[in-house]
Amino acid sequence: MKIVEKERIFKALGDRNRLEIMDLISENELSAGQILQQVKMAQSTLSHHMKILCDSGIVNSRKDYRWVYYTINEEVAQEVSKILTDWVK
């Protein structure tokens, strides 16, 4: 993984709201509406955070009719885990 990609991912994870969202979607796929029911923020703020998470590659999105559903990108999450493991050798 390139330094630029690492930077984008760790920057995306460096926000309390985005970490809360990651905790929520780590359990199962959720729609934006379902996430909004569990976090205290405006829809536009959630959209901003989801864009950052998706652009970093750590979160996947899929559109189903009028809803967008989010999941953690397991491949990228495993790469991040490997980076952290390599740092503590």
PDB file of N, CA and C in Angstrom:
ATOM      1  N   MET A   1       0.861  -1.170   0.000  1.00  0.00           N
ATOM      2  CA  MET A   1       0.000   0.000   0.000  1.00  0.00           C
ATOM      3  C   MET A   1       0.909   1.235   0.000  1.00  0.00           C
ATOM      4  N   LYS A   2       0.586   2.169  -0.863  1.00  0.00           N
ATOM      5  CA  LYS A   2       1.371   3.393  -0.981  1.00  0.00           C
ATOM      6  C   LYS A   2       1.134   4.318   0.212  1.00  0.00           C
ATOM      7  N   ILE A   3       2.117   5.158   0.484  1.00  0.00           N
ATOM      8  CA  ILE A   3       2.027   6.116   1.592  1.00  0.00           C
ATOM      9  C   ILE A   3       0.783   6.992   1.462  1.00  0.00           C
ATOM     10  N   VAL A   4       0.471   7.436   0.253  1.00  0.00           N
ATOM     11  CA  VAL A   4      -0.696   8.295   0.032  1.00  0.00           C
ATOM     12  C   VAL A   4      -1.982   7.573   0.433  1.00  0.00           C
ATOM     13  N   GLU A   5      -2.074   6.289   0.100  1.00  0.00           N
ATOM     14  CA  GLU A   5      -3.265   5.510   0.473  1.00  0.00           C
ATOM     15  C   GLU A   5      -3.350   5.338   1.986  1.00  0.00           C
ATOM     16  N   LYS A   6      -2.202   5.069   2.616  1.00  0.00           N
ATOM     17  CA  LYS A   6      -2.177   4.942   4.084  1.00  0.00           C
ATOM     18  C   LYS A   6      -2.620   6.250   4.730  1.00  0.00           C
ATOM     19  N   GLU A   7      -2.098   7.349   4.212  1.00  0.00           N
ATOM     20  CA  GLU A   7      -2.449   8.656   4.771  1.00  0.00           C
ATOM     21  C   GLU A   7      -3.949   8.903   4.678  1.00  0.00           C
ATOM     22  N   ARG A   8      -4.534   8.600   3.527  1.00  0.00           N
ATOM     23  CA  ARG A   8      -5.963   8.828   3.319  1.00  0.00           C
ATOM     24  C   ARG A   8      -6.803   7.982   4.290  1.00  0.00           C
ATOM     25  N   ILE A   9      -6.397   6.738   4.484  1.00  0.00           N
ATOM     26  CA  ILE A   9      -7.148   5.848   5.374  1.00  0.00           C
ATOM     27  C   ILE A   9      -7.028   6.300   6.821  1.00  0.00           C
ATOM     28  N   PHE A  10      -5.802   6.560   7.264  1.00  0.00           N
ATOM     29  CA  PHE A  10      -5.623   6.946   8.666  1.00  0.00           C
ATOM     30  C   PHE A  10      -6.225   8.316   8.955  1.00  0.00           C
ATOM     31  N   LYS A  11      -6.209   9.191   7.959  1.00  0.00           N
ATOM     32  CA  LYS A  11      -6.866  10.490   8.139  1.00  0.00           C
ATOM     33  C   LYS A  11      -8.382  10.288   8.274  1.00  0.00           C
ATOM     34  N   ALA A  12      -8.940   9.397   7.468  1.00  0.00           N
ATOM     35  CA  ALA A  12     -10.382   9.112   7.542  1.00  0.00           C
ATOM     36  C   ALA A  12     -10.747   8.535   8.906  1.00  0.00           C
ATOM     37  N   LEU A  13      -9.858   7.743   9.470  1.00  0.00           N
ATOM     38  CA  LEU A  13     -10.134   7.112  10.761  1.00  0.00           C
ATOM     39  C   LEU A  13      -9.802   8.029  11.941  1.00  0.00           C
ATOM     40  N   GLY A  14      -9.253   9.186  11.665  1.00  0.00           N
ATOM     41  CA  GLY A  14      -8.826  10.091  12.724  1.00  0.00           C
ATOM     42  C   GLY A  14      -9.896  11.063  13.181  1.00  0.00           C
ATOM     43  N   ASP A  15     -11.145  10.666  13.106  1.00  0.00           N
ATOM     44  CA  ASP A  15     -12.248  11.529  13.509  1.00  0.00           C
ATOM     45  C   ASP A  15     -13.207  10.716  14.371  1.00  0.00           C
ATOM     46  N   ARG A  16     -13.603  11.276  15.479  1.00  0.00           N
ATOM     47  CA  ARG A  16     -14.483  10.574  16.434  1.00  0.00           C
ATOM     48  C   ARG A  16     -15.796  10.126  15.790  1.00  0.00           C
ATOM     49  N   ASN A  17     -16.408  10.990  14.982  1.00  0.00           N
ATOM     50  CA  ASN A  17     -17.682  10.636  14.340  1.00  0.00           C
ATOM     51  C   ASN A  17     -17.506   9.480  13.364  1.00  0.00           C
ATOM     52  N   ARG A  18     -16.422   9.514  12.606  1.00  0.00           N
ATOM     53  CA  ARG A  18     -16.194   8.438  11.640  1.00  0.00           C
ATOM     54  C   ARG A  18     -15.868   7.124  12.348  1.00  0.00           C
ATOM     55  N   LEU A  19     -15.173   7.197  13.481  1.00  0.00           N
ATOM     56  CA  LEU A  19     -14.926   5.982  14.258  1.00  0.00           C
ATOM     57  C   LEU A  19     -16.236   5.398  14.788  1.00  0.00           C
ATOM     58  N   GLU A  20     -17.146   6.264  15.210  1.00  0.00           N
ATOM     59  CA  GLU A  20     -18.456   5.798  15.672  1.00  0.00           C
ATOM     60  C   GLU A  20     -19.209   5.111  14.529  1.00  0.00           C
ATOM     61  N   ILE A  21     -19.143   5.698  13.348  1.00  0.00           N
ATOM     62  CA  ILE A  21     -19.799   5.099  12.173  1.00  0.00           C
ATOM     63  C   ILE A  21     -19.169   3.744  11.862  1.00  0.00           C
ATOM     64  N   MET A  22     -17.837   3.663  11.928  1.00  0.00           N
ATOM     65  CA  MET A  22     -17.146   2.397  11.664  1.00  0.00           C
ATOM     66  C   MET A  22     -17.597   1.329  12.657  1.00  0.00           C
ATOM     67  N   ASP A  23     -17.747   1.701  13.930  1.00  0.00           N
ATOM     68  CA  ASP A  23     -18.233   0.743  14.929  1.00  0.00           C
ATOM     69  C   ASP A  23     -19.618   0.221  14.546  1.00  0.00           C
ATOM     70  N   LEU A  24     -20.475   1.115  14.100  1.00  0.00           N
ATOM     71  CA  LEU A  24     -21.844   0.720  13.741  1.00  0.00           C
ATOM     72  C   LEU A  24     -21.855  -0.239  12.554  1.00  0.00           C
ATOM     73  N   ILE A  25     -21.118   0.091  11.509  1.00  0.00           N
ATOM     74  CA  ILE A  25     -21.177  -0.751  10.305  1.00  0.00           C
ATOM     75  C   ILE A  25     -20.286  -1.986  10.413  1.00  0.00           C
ATOM     76  N   SER A  26     -19.491  -2.068  11.477  1.00  0.00           N
ATOM     77  CA  SER A  26     -18.682  -3.279  11.652  1.00  0.00           C
ATOM     78  C   SER A  26     -19.572  -4.466  12.045  1.00  0.00           C
ATOM     79  N   GLU A  27     -20.713  -4.173  12.616  1.00  0.00           N
ATOM     80  CA  GLU A  27     -21.626  -5.231  13.052  1.00  0.00           C
ATOM     81  C   GLU A  27     -22.439  -5.802  11.891  1.00  0.00           C
ATOM     82  N   ASN A  28     -22.918  -4.927  10.995  1.00  0.00           N
ATOM     83  CA  ASN A  28     -23.653  -5.373   9.806  1.00  0.00           C
ATOM     84  C   ASN A  28     -23.858  -4.187   8.868  1.00  0.00           C
ATOM     85  N   GLU A  29     -24.250  -4.497   7.661  1.00  0.00           N
ATOM     86  CA  GLU A  29     -24.510  -3.478   6.653  1.00  0.00           C
ATOM     87  C   GLU A  29     -25.655  -2.581   7.114  1.00  0.00           C
ATOM     88  N   LEU A  30     -25.456  -1.275   6.982  1.00  0.00           N
ATOM     89  CA  LEU A  30     -26.495  -0.324   7.373  1.00  0.00           C
ATOM     90  C   LEU A  30     -26.721   0.700   6.278  1.00  0.00           C
ATOM     91  N   SER A  31     -27.948   1.167   6.187  1.00  0.00           N
ATOM     92  CA  SER A  31     -28.260   2.260   5.272  1.00  0.00           C
ATOM     93  C   SER A  31     -27.919   3.577   5.961  1.00  0.00           C
ATOM     94  N   ALA A  32     -27.844   4.627   5.180  1.00  0.00           N
ATOM     95  CA  ALA A  32     -27.585   5.950   5.744  1.00  0.00           C
ATOM     96  C   ALA A  32     -28.670   6.299   6.763  1.00  0.00           C
ATOM     97  N   GLY A  33     -29.896   5.959   6.470  1.00  0.00           N
ATOM     98  CA  GLY A  33     -31.001   6.230   7.389  1.00  0.00           C
ATOM     99  C   GLY A  33     -30.842   5.492   8.705  1.00  0.00           C
ATOM    100  N   GLN A  34     -30.398   4.247   8.641  1.00  0.00           N
ATOM    101  CA  GLN A  34     -30.184   3.462   9.854  1.00  0.00           C
ATOM    102  C   GLN A  34     -29.037   4.042  10.684  1.00  0.00           C
ATOM    103  N   ILE A  35     -27.998   4.510  10.009  1.00  0.00           N
ATOM    104  CA  ILE A  35     -26.881   5.136  10.716  1.00  0.00           C
ATOM    105  C   ILE A  35     -27.349   6.420  11.382  1.00  0.00           C
ATOM    106  N   LEU A  36     -28.134   7.216  10.649  1.00  0.00           N
ATOM    107  CA  LEU A  36     -28.639   8.477  11.204  1.00  0.00           C
ATOM    108  C   LEU A  36     -29.466   8.277  12.466  1.00  0.00           C
ATOM    109  N   GLN A  37     -30.190   7.175  12.545  1.00  0.00           N
ATOM    110  CA  GLN A  37     -30.997   6.894  13.732  1.00  0.00           C
ATOM    111  C   GLN A  37     -30.133   6.672  14.972  1.00  0.00           C
ATOM    112  N   GLN A  38     -28.864   6.331  14.765  1.00  0.00           N
ATOM    113  CA  GLN A  38     -28.005   5.975  15.888  1.00  0.00           C
ATOM    114  C   GLN A  38     -26.932   7.009  16.227  1.00  0.00           C
ATOM    115  N   VAL A  39     -26.757   8.002  15.365  1.00  0.00           N
ATOM    116  CA  VAL A  39     -25.755   9.045  15.619  1.00  0.00           C
ATOM    117  C   VAL A  39     -26.442  10.400  15.706  1.00  0.00           C
ATOM    118  N   LYS A  40     -25.799  11.308  16.389  1.00  0.00           N
ATOM    119  CA  LYS A  40     -26.379  12.642  16.535  1.00  0.00           C
ATOM    120  C   LYS A  40     -25.685  13.597  15.574  1.00  0.00           C
ATOM    121  N   MET A  41     -26.212  13.655  14.344  1.00  0.00           N
ATOM    122  CA  MET A  41     -25.689  14.583  13.349  1.00  0.00           C
ATOM    123  C   MET A  41     -26.716  14.770  12.249  1.00  0.00           C
ATOM    124  N   ALA A  42     -26.558  15.849  11.532  1.00  0.00           N
ATOM    125  CA  ALA A  42     -27.445  16.138  10.405  1.00  0.00           C
ATOM    126  C   ALA A  42     -27.132  15.195   9.248  1.00  0.00           C
ATOM    127  N   GLN A  43     -28.107  15.010   8.380  1.00  0.00           N
ATOM    128  CA  GLN A  43     -27.923  14.145   7.212  1.00  0.00           C
ATOM    129  C   GLN A  43     -26.765  14.629   6.357  1.00  0.00           C
ATOM    130  N   SER A  44     -26.630  15.928   6.181  1.00  0.00           N
ATOM    131  CA  SER A  44     -25.541  16.467   5.356  1.00  0.00           C
ATOM    132  C   SER A  44     -24.178  16.185   5.992  1.00  0.00           C
ATOM    133  N   THR A  45     -24.114  16.214   7.318  1.00  0.00           N
ATOM    134  CA  THR A  45     -22.867  15.912   8.019  1.00  0.00           C
ATOM    135  C   THR A  45     -22.520  14.433   7.858  1.00  0.00           C
ATOM    136  N   LEU A  46     -23.530  13.572   7.968  1.00  0.00           N
ATOM    137  CA  LEU A  46     -23.298  12.144   7.751  1.00  0.00           C
ATOM    138  C   LEU A  46     -22.793  11.908   6.330  1.00  0.00           C
ATOM    139  N   SER A  47     -23.398  12.550   5.357  1.00  0.00           N
ATOM    140  CA  SER A  47     -22.961  12.394   3.961  1.00  0.00           C
ATOM    141  C   SER A  47     -21.499  12.782   3.793  1.00  0.00           C
ATOM    142  N   HIS A  48     -21.105  13.872   4.446  1.00  0.00           N
ATOM    143  CA  HIS A  48     -19.713  14.331   4.392  1.00  0.00           C
ATOM    144  C   HIS A  48     -18.775  13.248   4.954  1.00  0.00           C
ATOM    145  N   HIS A  49     -19.119  12.700   6.115  1.00  0.00           N
ATOM    146  CA  HIS A  49     -18.283  11.669   6.726  1.00  0.00           C
ATOM    147  C   HIS A  49     -18.243  10.396   5.888  1.00  0.00           C
ATOM    148  N   MET A  50     -19.389  10.008   5.322  1.00  0.00           N
ATOM    149  CA  MET A  50     -19.424   8.797   4.507  1.00  0.00           C
ATOM    150  C   MET A  50     -18.598   8.966   3.236  1.00  0.00           C
ATOM    151  N   LYS A  51     -18.599  10.148   2.665  1.00  0.00           N
ATOM    152  CA  LYS A  51     -17.779  10.406   1.475  1.00  0.00           C
ATOM    153  C   LYS A  51     -16.298  10.230   1.797  1.00  0.00           C
ATOM    154  N   ILE A  52     -15.871  10.754   2.925  1.00  0.00           N
ATOM    155  CA  ILE A  52     -14.472  10.615   3.327  1.00  0.00           C
ATOM    156  C   ILE A  52     -14.119   9.144   3.540  1.00  0.00           C
ATOM    157  N   LEU A  53     -14.977   8.411   4.234  1.00  0.00           N
ATOM    158  CA  LEU A  53     -14.721   6.995   4.477  1.00  0.00           C
ATOM    159  C   LEU A  53     -14.704   6.192   3.171  1.00  0.00           C
ATOM    160  N   CYS A  54     -15.644   6.468   2.288  1.00  0.00           N
ATOM    161  CA  CYS A  54     -15.692   5.755   1.004  1.00  0.00           C
ATOM    162  C   CYS A  54     -14.514   6.127   0.111  1.00  0.00           C
ATOM    163  N   ASP A  55     -14.177   7.411   0.063  1.00  0.00           N
ATOM    164  CA  ASP A  55     -13.044   7.854  -0.760  1.00  0.00           C
ATOM    165  C   ASP A  55     -11.727   7.255  -0.280  1.00  0.00           C
ATOM    166  N   SER A  56     -11.625   6.986   1.019  1.00  0.00           N
ATOM    167  CA  SER A  56     -10.397   6.393   1.555  1.00  0.00           C
ATOM    168  C   SER A  56     -10.294   4.913   1.182  1.00  0.00           C
ATOM    169  N   GLY A  57     -11.432   4.305   0.861  1.00  0.00           N
ATOM    170  CA  GLY A  57     -11.458   2.889   0.501  1.00  0.00           C
ATOM    171  C   GLY A  57     -11.774   1.966   1.657  1.00  0.00           C
ATOM    172  N   ILE A  58     -11.856   2.485   2.861  1.00  0.00           N
ATOM    173  CA  ILE A  58     -12.099   1.654   4.038  1.00  0.00           C
ATOM    174  C   ILE A  58     -13.566   1.238   4.159  1.00  0.00           C
ATOM    175  N   VAL A  59     -14.460   1.952   3.462  1.00  0.00           N
ATOM    176  CA  VAL A  59     -15.891   1.642   3.484  1.00  0.00           C
ATOM    177  C   VAL A  59     -16.392   1.466   2.048  1.00  0.00           C
ATOM    178  N   ASN A  60     -17.220   0.462   1.855  1.00  0.00           N
ATOM    179  CA  ASN A  60     -17.900   0.238   0.572  1.00  0.00           C
ATOM    180  C   ASN A  60     -19.323   0.762   0.668  1.00  0.00           C
ATOM    181  N   SER A  61     -19.829   1.215  -0.463  1.00  0.00           N
ATOM    182  CA  SER A  61     -21.237   1.610  -0.516  1.00  0.00           C
ATOM    183  C   SER A  61     -21.894   0.916  -1.701  1.00  0.00           C
ATOM    184  N   ARG A  62     -23.178   0.681  -1.547  1.00  0.00           N
ATOM    185  CA  ARG A  62     -23.962   0.142  -2.665  1.00  0.00           C
ATOM    186  C   ARG A  62     -25.335   0.778  -2.620  1.00  0.00           C
ATOM    187  N   LYS A  63     -25.807   1.104  -3.796  1.00  0.00           N
ATOM    188  CA  LYS A  63     -27.118   1.742  -3.893  1.00  0.00           C
ATOM    189  C   LYS A  63     -28.156   0.682  -4.226  1.00  0.00           C
ATOM    190  N   ASP A  64     -29.258   0.736  -3.487  1.00  0.00           N
ATOM    191  CA  ASP A  64     -30.366  -0.191  -3.701  1.00  0.00           C
ATOM    192  C   ASP A  64     -31.635   0.649  -3.762  1.00  0.00           C
ATOM    193  N   TYR A  65     -32.098   0.889  -4.961  1.00  0.00           N
ATOM    194  CA  TYR A  65     -33.216   1.795  -5.205  1.00  0.00           C
ATOM    195  C   TYR A  65     -32.868   3.184  -4.685  1.00  0.00           C
ATOM    196  N   ARG A  66     -33.553   3.666  -3.649  1.00  0.00           N
ATOM    197  CA  ARG A  66     -33.239   5.018  -3.176  1.00  0.00           C
ATOM    198  C   ARG A  66     -32.346   5.039  -1.954  1.00  0.00           C
ATOM    199  N   TRP A  67     -31.925   3.879  -1.466  1.00  0.00           N
ATOM    200  CA  TRP A  67     -31.092   3.820  -0.267  1.00  0.00           C
ATOM    201  C   TRP A  67     -29.658   3.471  -0.625  1.00  0.00           C
ATOM    202  N   VAL A  68     -28.734   4.011   0.162  1.00  0.00           N
ATOM    203  CA  VAL A  68     -27.331   3.640   0.033  1.00  0.00           C
ATOM    204  C   VAL A  68     -26.961   2.858   1.300  1.00  0.00           C
ATOM    205  N   TYR A  69     -26.347   1.711   1.087  1.00  0.00           N
ATOM    206  CA  TYR A  69     -25.937   0.842   2.193  1.00  0.00           C
ATOM    207  C   TYR A  69     -24.417   0.833   2.297  1.00  0.00           C
ATOM    208  N   TYR A  70     -23.933   0.753   3.538  1.00  0.00           N
ATOM    209  CA  TYR A  70     -22.498   0.839   3.795  1.00  0.00           C
ATOM    210  C   TYR A  70     -22.005  -0.385   4.553  1.00  0.00           C
ATOM    211  N   THR A  71     -20.803  -0.838   4.170  1.00  0.00           N
ATOM    212  CA  THR A  71     -20.111  -1.921   4.859  1.00  0.00           C
ATOM    213  C   THR A  71     -18.628  -1.582   4.916  1.00  0.00           C
ATOM    214  N   ILE A  72     -17.940  -2.223   5.830  1.00  0.00           N
ATOM    215  CA  ILE A  72     -16.490  -2.067   5.898  1.00  0.00           C
ATOM    216  C   ILE A  72     -15.873  -2.883   4.769  1.00  0.00           C
ATOM    217  N   ASN A  73     -14.900  -2.306   4.100  1.00  0.00           N
ATOM    218  CA  ASN A  73     -14.164  -3.005   3.055  1.00  0.00           C
ATOM    219  C   ASN A  73     -13.165  -3.927   3.763  1.00  0.00           C
ATOM    220  N   GLU A  74     -13.479  -5.204   3.830  1.00  0.00           N
ATOM    221  CA  GLU A  74     -12.678  -6.150   4.594  1.00  0.00           C
ATOM    222  C   GLU A  74     -11.243  -6.249   4.078  1.00  0.00           C
ATOM    223  N   GLU A  75     -11.066  -6.176   2.777  1.00  0.00           N
ATOM    224  CA  GLU A  75      -9.724  -6.273   2.194  1.00  0.00           C
ATOM    225  C   GLU A  75      -8.842  -5.115   2.672  1.00  0.00           C
ATOM    226  N   VAL A  76      -9.377  -3.913   2.632  1.00  0.00           N
ATOM    227  CA  VAL A  76      -8.614  -2.740   3.072  1.00  0.00           C
ATOM    228  C   VAL A  76      -8.392  -2.795   4.582  1.00  0.00           C
ATOM    229  N   ALA A  77      -9.400  -3.205   5.332  1.00  0.00           N
ATOM    230  CA  ALA A  77      -9.260  -3.313   6.785  1.00  0.00           C
ATOM    231  C   ALA A  77      -8.160  -4.311   7.144  1.00  0.00           C
ATOM    232  N   GLN A  78      -8.062  -5.409   6.416  1.00  0.00           N
ATOM    233  CA  GLN A  78      -7.004  -6.392   6.663  1.00  0.00           C
ATOM    234  C   GLN A  78      -5.634  -5.810   6.332  1.00  0.00           C
ATOM    235  N   GLU A  79      -5.554  -4.990   5.279  1.00  0.00           N
ATOM    236  CA  GLU A  79      -4.289  -4.335   4.942  1.00  0.00           C
ATOM    237  C   GLU A  79      -3.872  -3.372   6.048  1.00  0.00           C
ATOM    238  N   VAL A  80      -4.825  -2.630   6.599  1.00  0.00           N
ATOM    239  CA  VAL A  80      -4.540  -1.701   7.701  1.00  0.00           C
ATOM    240  C   VAL A  80      -4.061  -2.486   8.915  1.00  0.00           C
ATOM    241  N   SER A  81      -4.710  -3.594   9.197  1.00  0.00           N
ATOM    242  CA  SER A  81      -4.300  -4.441  10.315  1.00  0.00           C
ATOM    243  C   SER A  81      -2.865  -4.939  10.125  1.00  0.00           C
ATOM    244  N   LYS A  82      -2.524  -5.312   8.905  1.00  0.00           N
ATOM    245  CA  LYS A  82      -1.169  -5.782   8.602  1.00  0.00           C
ATOM    246  C   LYS A  82      -0.157  -4.658   8.800  1.00  0.00           C
ATOM    247  N   ILE A  83      -0.498  -3.456   8.384  1.00  0.00           N
ATOM    248  CA  ILE A  83       0.396  -2.313   8.573  1.00  0.00           C
ATOM    249  C   ILE A  83       0.686  -2.130  10.060  1.00  0.00           C
ATOM    250  N   LEU A  84      -0.345  -2.145  10.870  1.00  0.00           N
ATOM    251  CA  LEU A  84      -0.175  -1.959  12.315  1.00  0.00           C
ATOM    252  C   LEU A  84       0.648  -3.084  12.925  1.00  0.00           C
ATOM    253  N   THR A  85       0.402  -4.311  12.481  1.00  0.00           N
ATOM    254  CA  THR A  85       1.160  -5.455  12.977  1.00  0.00           C
ATOM    255  C   THR A  85       2.637  -5.322  12.591  1.00  0.00           C
ATOM    256  N   ASP A  86       2.910  -4.904  11.375  1.00  0.00           N
ATOM    257  CA  ASP A  86       4.293  -4.752  10.908  1.00  0.00           C
ATOM    258  C   ASP A  86       5.037  -3.684  11.700  1.00  0.00           C
ATOM    259  N   TRP A  87       4.320  -2.668  12.168  1.00  0.00           N
ATOM    260  CA  TRP A  87       4.959  -1.587  12.913  1.00  0.00           C
ATOM    261  C   TRP A  87       5.430  -2.021  14.295  1.00  0.00           C
ATOM    262  N   VAL A  88       4.855  -3.067  14.849  1.00  0.00           N
ATOM    263  CA  VAL A  88       5.200  -3.462  16.212  1.00  0.00           C
ATOM    264  C   VAL A  88       6.186  -4.641  16.258  1.00  0.00           C
ATOM    265  N   LYS A  89       6.810  -4.942  15.165  1.00  0.00           N
ATOM    266  CA  LYS A  89       7.793  -6.033  15.145  1.00  0.00           C
ATOM    267  C   LYS A  89       9.013  -5.671  15.941  1.00  0.00           C
TER     268      LYS A  89
END
